[in-house]
C-alpha atoms as a PDB file:
ATOM      1  CA  UNK A   1     100.198 122.980  61.151  1.00  0.00           C
ATOM      2  CA  UNK A   2      99.560 120.810  58.075  1.00  0.00           C
ATOM      3  CA  UNK A   3     101.688 118.016  59.550  1.00  0.00           C
ATOM      4  CA  UNK A   4     100.081 118.233  62.986  1.00  0.00           C
ATOM      5  CA  UNK A   5      96.470 117.356  62.252  1.00  0.00           C
ATOM      6  CA  UNK A   6      94.051 115.664  64.585  1.00  0.00           C
ATOM      7  CA  UNK A   7      92.976 112.369  63.075  1.00  0.00           C
ATOM      8  CA  UNK A   8      89.402 111.605  63.954  1.00  0.00           C
ATOM      9  CA  UNK A   9      88.328 108.040  64.800  1.00  0.00           C
ATOM     10  CA  UNK A  10      87.140 106.221  61.671  1.00  0.00           C
ATOM     11  CA  UNK A  11      83.448 106.324  60.929  1.00  0.00           C
ATOM     12  CA  UNK A  12      81.624 103.140  61.773  1.00  0.00           C
ATOM     13  CA  UNK A  13      80.218 101.251  58.802  1.00  0.00           C
ATOM     14  CA  UNK A  14      76.929 100.441  60.484  1.00  0.00           C
ATOM     15  CA  UNK A  15      74.225 102.941  61.325  1.00  0.00           C
ATOM     16  CA  UNK A  16      73.353 103.388  64.969  1.00  0.00           C
ATOM     17  CA  UNK A  17      70.033 104.814  63.849  1.00  0.00           C
ATOM     18  CA  UNK A  18      69.222 101.506  62.159  1.00  0.00           C
ATOM     19  CA  UNK A  19      69.618  99.759  65.519  1.00  0.00           C
ATOM     20  CA  UNK A  20      66.879 101.893  66.976  1.00  0.00           C
ATOM     21  CA  UNK A  21      64.709 101.819  63.867  1.00  0.00           C
ATOM     22  CA  UNK A  22      64.619  98.028  64.068  1.00  0.00           C
ATOM     23  CA  UNK A  23      63.146  98.175  67.557  1.00  0.00           C
ATOM     24  CA  UNK A  24      59.428  97.765  68.145  1.00  0.00           C
ATOM     25  CA  UNK A  25      57.368 100.823  69.055  1.00  0.00           C
ATOM     26  CA  UNK A  26      57.629  99.836  72.713  1.00  0.00           C
ATOM     27  CA  UNK A  27      61.179 101.110  73.223  1.00  0.00           C
ATOM     28  CA  UNK A  28      63.715  98.759  74.789  1.00  0.00           C
ATOM     29  CA  UNK A  29      65.380 100.919  77.471  1.00  0.00           C
ATOM     30  CA  UNK A  30      68.728  99.068  77.794  1.00  0.00           C
ATOM     31  CA  UNK A  31      69.162  98.887  74.036  1.00  0.00           C
ATOM     32  CA  UNK A  32      68.216 102.533  73.597  1.00  0.00           C
ATOM     33  CA  UNK A  33      70.740 103.572  76.249  1.00  0.00           C
ATOM     34  CA  UNK A  34      73.416 101.469  74.552  1.00  0.00           C
ATOM     35  CA  UNK A  35      72.727 103.146  71.200  1.00  0.00           C
ATOM     36  CA  UNK A  36      72.845 106.586  72.797  1.00  0.00           C
ATOM     37  CA  UNK A  37      76.192 105.777  74.423  1.00  0.00           C
ATOM     38  CA  UNK A  38      77.667 104.568  71.113  1.00  0.00           C
ATOM     39  CA  UNK A  39      76.537 107.730  69.360  1.00  0.00           C
ATOM     40  CA  UNK A  40      77.834 109.931  72.171  1.00  0.00           C
ATOM     41  CA  UNK A  41      81.215 108.203  72.185  1.00  0.00           C
ATOM     42  CA  UNK A  42      81.557 108.723  68.445  1.00  0.00           C
ATOM     43  CA  UNK A  43      80.446 112.353  68.595  1.00  0.00           C
ATOM     44  CA  UNK A  44      82.555 113.376  71.598  1.00  0.00           C
ATOM     45  CA  UNK A  45      85.631 111.610  70.165  1.00  0.00           C
ATOM     46  CA  UNK A  46      85.264 113.424  66.837  1.00  0.00           C
ATOM     47  CA  UNK A  47      84.217 116.894  67.868  1.00  0.00           C
ATOM     48  CA  UNK A  48      85.047 117.206  71.543  1.00  0.00           C
ATOM     49  CA  UNK A  49      82.765 118.123  74.409  1.00  0.00           C
ATOM     50  CA  UNK A  50      82.420 121.832  73.694  1.00  0.00           C
ATOM     51  CA  UNK A  51      81.585 121.400  70.017  1.00  0.00           C
ATOM     52  CA  UNK A  52      79.071 118.566  70.487  1.00  0.00           C
ATOM     53  CA  UNK A  53      75.483 119.234  71.463  1.00  0.00           C
ATOM     54  CA  UNK A  54      72.756 116.963  72.763  1.00  0.00           C
ATOM     55  CA  UNK A  55      70.790 117.584  69.573  1.00  0.00           C
ATOM     56  CA  UNK A  56      73.780 116.493  67.455  1.00  0.00           C
ATOM     57  CA  UNK A  57      73.863 113.144  69.232  1.00  0.00           C
ATOM     58  CA  UNK A  58      70.089 112.739  69.118  1.00  0.00           C
ATOM     59  CA  UNK A  59      70.084 113.382  65.360  1.00  0.00           C
ATOM     60  CA  UNK A  60      72.678 110.622  64.860  1.00  0.00           C
ATOM     61  CA  UNK A  61      70.250 107.990  66.099  1.00  0.00           C
ATOM     62  CA  UNK A  62      66.966 109.562  65.077  1.00  0.00           C
ATOM     63  CA  UNK A  63      65.520 110.301  68.514  1.00  0.00           C
ATOM     64  CA  UNK A  64      64.545 113.479  70.321  1.00  0.00           C
ATOM     65  CA  UNK A  65      66.876 115.343  72.656  1.00  0.00           C
ATOM     66  CA  UNK A  66      64.295 114.738  75.388  1.00  0.00           C
ATOM     67  CA  UNK A  67      65.006 111.004  75.336  1.00  0.00           C
ATOM     68  CA  UNK A  68      68.743 111.567  75.867  1.00  0.00           C
ATOM     69  CA  UNK A  69      68.056 113.899  78.778  1.00  0.00           C
ATOM     70  CA  UNK A  70      65.570 111.442  80.242  1.00  0.00           C
ATOM     71  CA  UNK A  71      68.255 108.749  80.418  1.00  0.00           C
ATOM     72  CA  UNK A  72      71.315 110.819  81.326  1.00  0.00           C
ATOM     73  CA  UNK A  73      69.992 114.078  82.781  1.00  0.00           C
ATOM     74  CA  UNK A  74      72.464 116.505  81.229  1.00  0.00           C
ATOM     75  CA  UNK A  75      75.109 116.703  78.550  1.00  0.00           C
ATOM     76  CA  UNK A  76      77.741 116.336  81.275  1.00  0.00           C
ATOM     77  CA  UNK A  77      75.974 113.245  82.585  1.00  0.00           C
ATOM     78  CA  UNK A  78      75.959 111.722  79.115  1.00  0.00           C
ATOM     79  CA  UNK A  79      79.638 112.526  78.589  1.00  0.00           C
ATOM     80  CA  UNK A  80      80.592 110.879  81.868  1.00  0.00           C
ATOM     81  CA  UNK A  81      78.477 107.780  81.181  1.00  0.00           C
ATOM     82  CA  UNK A  82      79.911 107.482  77.662  1.00  0.00           C
ATOM     83  CA  UNK A  83      83.492 107.782  78.920  1.00  0.00           C
ATOM     84  CA  UNK A  84      83.078 105.366  81.838  1.00  0.00           C
ATOM     85  CA  UNK A  85      81.461 102.843  79.495  1.00  0.00           C
ATOM     86  CA  UNK A  86      84.688 102.754  77.465  1.00  0.00           C
ATOM     87  CA  UNK A  87      87.144 102.517  80.336  1.00  0.00           C
ATOM     88  CA  UNK A  88      87.973  99.086  81.702  1.00  0.00           C
ATOM     89  CA  UNK A  89      91.556  98.923  82.949  1.00  0.00           C
ATOM     90  CA  UNK A  90      91.000  95.383  84.218  1.00  0.00           C
ATOM     91  CA  UNK A  91      91.075  94.111  80.625  1.00  0.00           C
ATOM     92  CA  UNK A  92      94.450  95.766  80.061  1.00  0.00           C
ATOM     93  CA  UNK A  93      96.246  94.367  83.109  1.00  0.00           C
ATOM     94  CA  UNK A  94      98.013  91.097  82.211  1.00  0.00           C
ATOM     95  CA  UNK A  95      98.322  88.198  84.618  1.00  0.00           C
ATOM     96  CA  UNK A  96     102.062  87.852  84.088  1.00  0.00           C
ATOM     97  CA  UNK A  97     103.953  90.840  85.526  1.00  0.00           C
ATOM     98  CA  UNK A  98     107.081  89.838  83.608  1.00  0.00           C
ATOM     99  CA  UNK A  99     105.224  90.400  80.320  1.00  0.00           C
ATOM    100  CA  UNK A 100     103.479  93.629  81.363  1.00  0.00           C
ATOM    101  CA  UNK A 101     105.274  95.951  78.944  1.00  0.00           C
ATOM    102  CA  UNK A 102     104.942  93.661  75.936  1.00  0.00           C
ATOM    103  CA  UNK A 103     101.280  92.834  76.514  1.00  0.00           C
ATOM    104  CA  UNK A 104     100.241  96.458  77.012  1.00  0.00           C
ATOM    105  CA  UNK A 105     102.123  97.487  73.862  1.00  0.00           C
ATOM    106  CA  UNK A 106     100.461  94.670  71.898  1.00  0.00           C
ATOM    107  CA  UNK A 107      97.044  95.865  73.066  1.00  0.00           C
ATOM    108  CA  UNK A 108      97.794  99.437  72.012  1.00  0.00           C
ATOM    109  CA  UNK A 109      98.930  98.228  68.584  1.00  0.00           C
ATOM    110  CA  UNK A 110      95.969  95.905  68.011  1.00  0.00           C
ATOM    111  CA  UNK A 111      93.934  96.819  64.883  1.00  0.00           C
ATOM    112  CA  UNK A 112      90.724  96.660  66.923  1.00  0.00           C
ATOM    113  CA  UNK A 113      91.955  99.209  69.472  1.00  0.00           C
ATOM    114  CA  UNK A 114      89.202 101.723  70.236  1.00  0.00           C
ATOM    115  CA  UNK A 115      90.840 105.132  70.560  1.00  0.00           C
ATOM    116  CA  UNK A 116      87.590 106.910  71.448  1.00  0.00           C
ATOM    117  CA  UNK A 117      88.352 107.186  75.183  1.00  0.00           C
ATOM    118  CA  UNK A 118      91.779 108.671  74.435  1.00  0.00           C
ATOM    119  CA  UNK A 119      90.246 111.133  71.966  1.00  0.00           C
ATOM    120  CA  UNK A 120      87.448 112.058  74.380  1.00  0.00           C
ATOM    121  CA  UNK A 121      89.925 112.735  77.191  1.00  0.00           C
ATOM    122  CA  UNK A 122      92.312 114.676  74.950  1.00  0.00           C
ATOM    123  CA  UNK A 123      89.545 116.891  73.590  1.00  0.00           C
ATOM    124  CA  UNK A 124      88.041 117.350  77.068  1.00  0.00           C
ATOM    125  CA  UNK A 125      90.980 119.459  78.223  1.00  0.00           C
ATOM    126  CA  UNK A 126      89.517 122.554  76.567  1.00  0.00           C
ATOM    127  CA  UNK A 127      86.387 122.577  78.726  1.00  0.00           C
ATOM    128  CA  UNK A 128      86.443 122.892  82.521  1.00  0.00           C
ATOM    129  CA  UNK A 129      83.389 120.695  83.110  1.00  0.00           C
ATOM    130  CA  UNK A 130      84.544 117.949  80.752  1.00  0.00           C
ATOM    131  CA  UNK A 131      88.080 118.114  82.125  1.00  0.00           C
ATOM    132  CA  UNK A 132      86.804 117.555  85.667  1.00  0.00           C
ATOM    133  CA  UNK A 133      84.799 114.541  84.493  1.00  0.00           C
ATOM    134  CA  UNK A 134      87.791 113.121  82.613  1.00  0.00           C
ATOM    135  CA  UNK A 135      90.067 113.476  85.651  1.00  0.00           C
ATOM    136  CA  UNK A 136      87.499 111.767  87.881  1.00  0.00           C
ATOM    137  CA  UNK A 137      87.023 108.940  85.380  1.00  0.00           C
ATOM    138  CA  UNK A 138      90.768 108.432  84.984  1.00  0.00           C
ATOM    139  CA  UNK A 139      91.271 108.240  88.728  1.00  0.00           C
ATOM    140  CA  UNK A 140      88.322 105.891  89.304  1.00  0.00           C
ATOM    141  CA  UNK A 141      88.722 103.556  86.349  1.00  0.00           C
ATOM    142  CA  UNK A 142      92.449 103.645  85.612  1.00  0.00           C
ATOM    143  CA  UNK A 143      94.737 105.171  88.233  1.00  0.00           C
ATOM    144  CA  UNK A 144      93.334 103.528  91.357  1.00  0.00           C
ATOM    145  CA  UNK A 145      92.945  99.939  90.069  1.00  0.00           C
ATOM    146  CA  UNK A 146      96.308 100.078  88.298  1.00  0.00           C
ATOM    147  CA  UNK A 147      98.023 101.355  91.445  1.00  0.00           C
ATOM    148  CA  UNK A 148      96.480  98.521  93.430  1.00  0.00           C
ATOM    149  CA  UNK A 149      97.835  95.989  90.914  1.00  0.00           C
ATOM    150  CA  UNK A 150     101.315  97.526  90.780  1.00  0.00           C
ATOM    151  CA  UNK A 151     101.666  97.708  94.539  1.00  0.00           C
ATOM    152  CA  UNK A 152     104.422  99.491  96.500  1.00  0.00           C
ATOM    153  CA  UNK A 153     106.644 101.365  96.283  1.00  0.00           C
ATOM    154  CA  UNK A 154     105.030 104.600  95.028  1.00  0.00           C
ATOM    155  CA  UNK A 155     102.132 102.732  93.454  1.00  0.00           C
ATOM    156  CA  UNK A 156     100.058 105.768  92.489  1.00  0.00           C
ATOM    157  CA  UNK A 157     102.991 107.618  90.943  1.00  0.00           C
ATOM    158  CA  UNK A 158     103.952 104.528  88.944  1.00  0.00           C
ATOM    159  CA  UNK A 159     100.355 104.036  87.802  1.00  0.00           C
ATOM    160  CA  UNK A 160     100.364 107.616  86.535  1.00  0.00           C
ATOM    161  CA  UNK A 161     103.587 106.886  84.655  1.00  0.00           C
ATOM    162  CA  UNK A 162     101.935 103.932  82.899  1.00  0.00           C
ATOM    163  CA  UNK A 163      98.879 106.007  81.973  1.00  0.00           C
ATOM    164  CA  UNK A 164     101.071 108.828  80.682  1.00  0.00           C
ATOM    165  CA  UNK A 165     103.153 106.469  78.551  1.00  0.00           C
ATOM    166  CA  UNK A 166     100.093 104.792  77.043  1.00  0.00           C
ATOM    167  CA  UNK A 167      98.209 108.030  76.436  1.00  0.00           C
ATOM    168  CA  UNK A 168     101.183 109.679  74.787  1.00  0.00           C
ATOM    169  CA  UNK A 169     101.817 106.655  72.598  1.00  0.00           C
ATOM    170  CA  UNK A 170      98.202 106.512  71.397  1.00  0.00           C
ATOM    171  CA  UNK A 171      98.064 110.278  70.904  1.00  0.00           C
ATOM    172  CA  UNK A 172     101.113 110.465  68.658  1.00  0.00           C
ATOM    173  CA  UNK A 173     100.547 107.143  66.903  1.00  0.00           C
ATOM    174  CA  UNK A 174      96.854 107.419  66.063  1.00  0.00           C
ATOM    175  CA  UNK A 175      95.551 110.932  66.703  1.00  0.00           C
ATOM    176  CA  UNK A 176      98.275 113.406  65.781  1.00  0.00           C
ATOM    177  CA  UNK A 177     100.139 112.763  62.541  1.00  0.00           C
ATOM    178  CA  UNK A 178     103.424 114.363  63.548  1.00  0.00           C
ATOM    179  CA  UNK A 179     105.228 112.156  60.998  1.00  0.00           C
ATOM    180  CA  UNK A 180     102.578 111.964  58.234  1.00  0.00           C
ATOM    181  CA  UNK A 181     104.427 109.533  55.966  1.00  0.00           C
ATOM    182  CA  UNK A 182     104.973 106.866  58.616  1.00  0.00           C
ATOM    183  CA  UNK A 183     102.873 103.725  58.204  1.00  0.00           C
ATOM    184  CA  UNK A 184     102.071 102.545  61.734  1.00  0.00           C
ATOM    185  CA  UNK A 185     104.230 102.832  64.818  1.00  0.00           C
ATOM    186  CA  UNK A 186     108.019 103.068  64.638  1.00  0.00           C
ATOM    187  CA  UNK A 187     109.427  99.694  65.850  1.00  0.00           C
ATOM    188  CA  UNK A 188     112.066 101.529  67.897  1.00  0.00           C
ATOM    189  CA  UNK A 189     109.342 103.560  69.578  1.00  0.00           C
ATOM    190  CA  UNK A 190     107.407 100.369  70.317  1.00  0.00           C
ATOM    191  CA  UNK A 191     110.462  98.819  71.964  1.00  0.00           C
ATOM    192  CA  UNK A 192     110.979 101.996  73.983  1.00  0.00           C
ATOM    193  CA  UNK A 193     107.361 101.759  75.149  1.00  0.00           C
ATOM    194  CA  UNK A 194     107.730  98.070  76.071  1.00  0.00           C
ATOM    195  CA  UNK A 195     110.905  98.688  78.058  1.00  0.00           C
ATOM    196  CA  UNK A 196     109.542 101.792  79.747  1.00  0.00           C
ATOM    197  CA  UNK A 197     106.331 100.096  80.828  1.00  0.00           C
ATOM    198  CA  UNK A 198     108.204  97.044  82.063  1.00  0.00           C
ATOM    199  CA  UNK A 199     110.591  99.202  84.077  1.00  0.00           C
ATOM    200  CA  UNK A 200     107.619 100.810  85.845  1.00  0.00           C
ATOM    201  CA  UNK A 201     106.052  97.416  86.572  1.00  0.00           C
ATOM    202  CA  UNK A 202     109.330  96.005  87.901  1.00  0.00           C
ATOM    203  CA  UNK A 203     109.978  99.055  90.081  1.00  0.00           C
END
């Protein structure tokens, strides 16, 4: 098990609590919601849905649990809002179909890649409520728009293939250190990903 450890997303250098502390006493609702979402994304990506409480997230930004519930209703509502806020498949779909595999791989290898949505979805599988939310979010924000872009034949099945390839690549490259001494992604694995993605796009 020592070589199969979950790597948590790196801690952000800035303090989310400072964002709120800098606000005037008359709270700015959009900014407060944005700070709550950032904190929730960090917390759910590190600890998972089951192990993260509303109070944990509230403490991260120095507000009461009541404020979080006022904006998002429930813990499940906050989890769904935090996950949907991170998912934007439109930004990942390139204009040039012939470069689909290469461009997606480049995005997944970019130093600024935010792996929080992948971590949130992976850790959601252990909780029935969170798993249902994750499945709904994946279908709404990833599977359906990607299938529409790919087009026939078997658009939905091919979209699921793309999602599975990308999720597996991120999981074993950034989250699970199966090969602990490897620095970055194996070039051969990257080429496999590029070719596999392109084959799905070309149908």
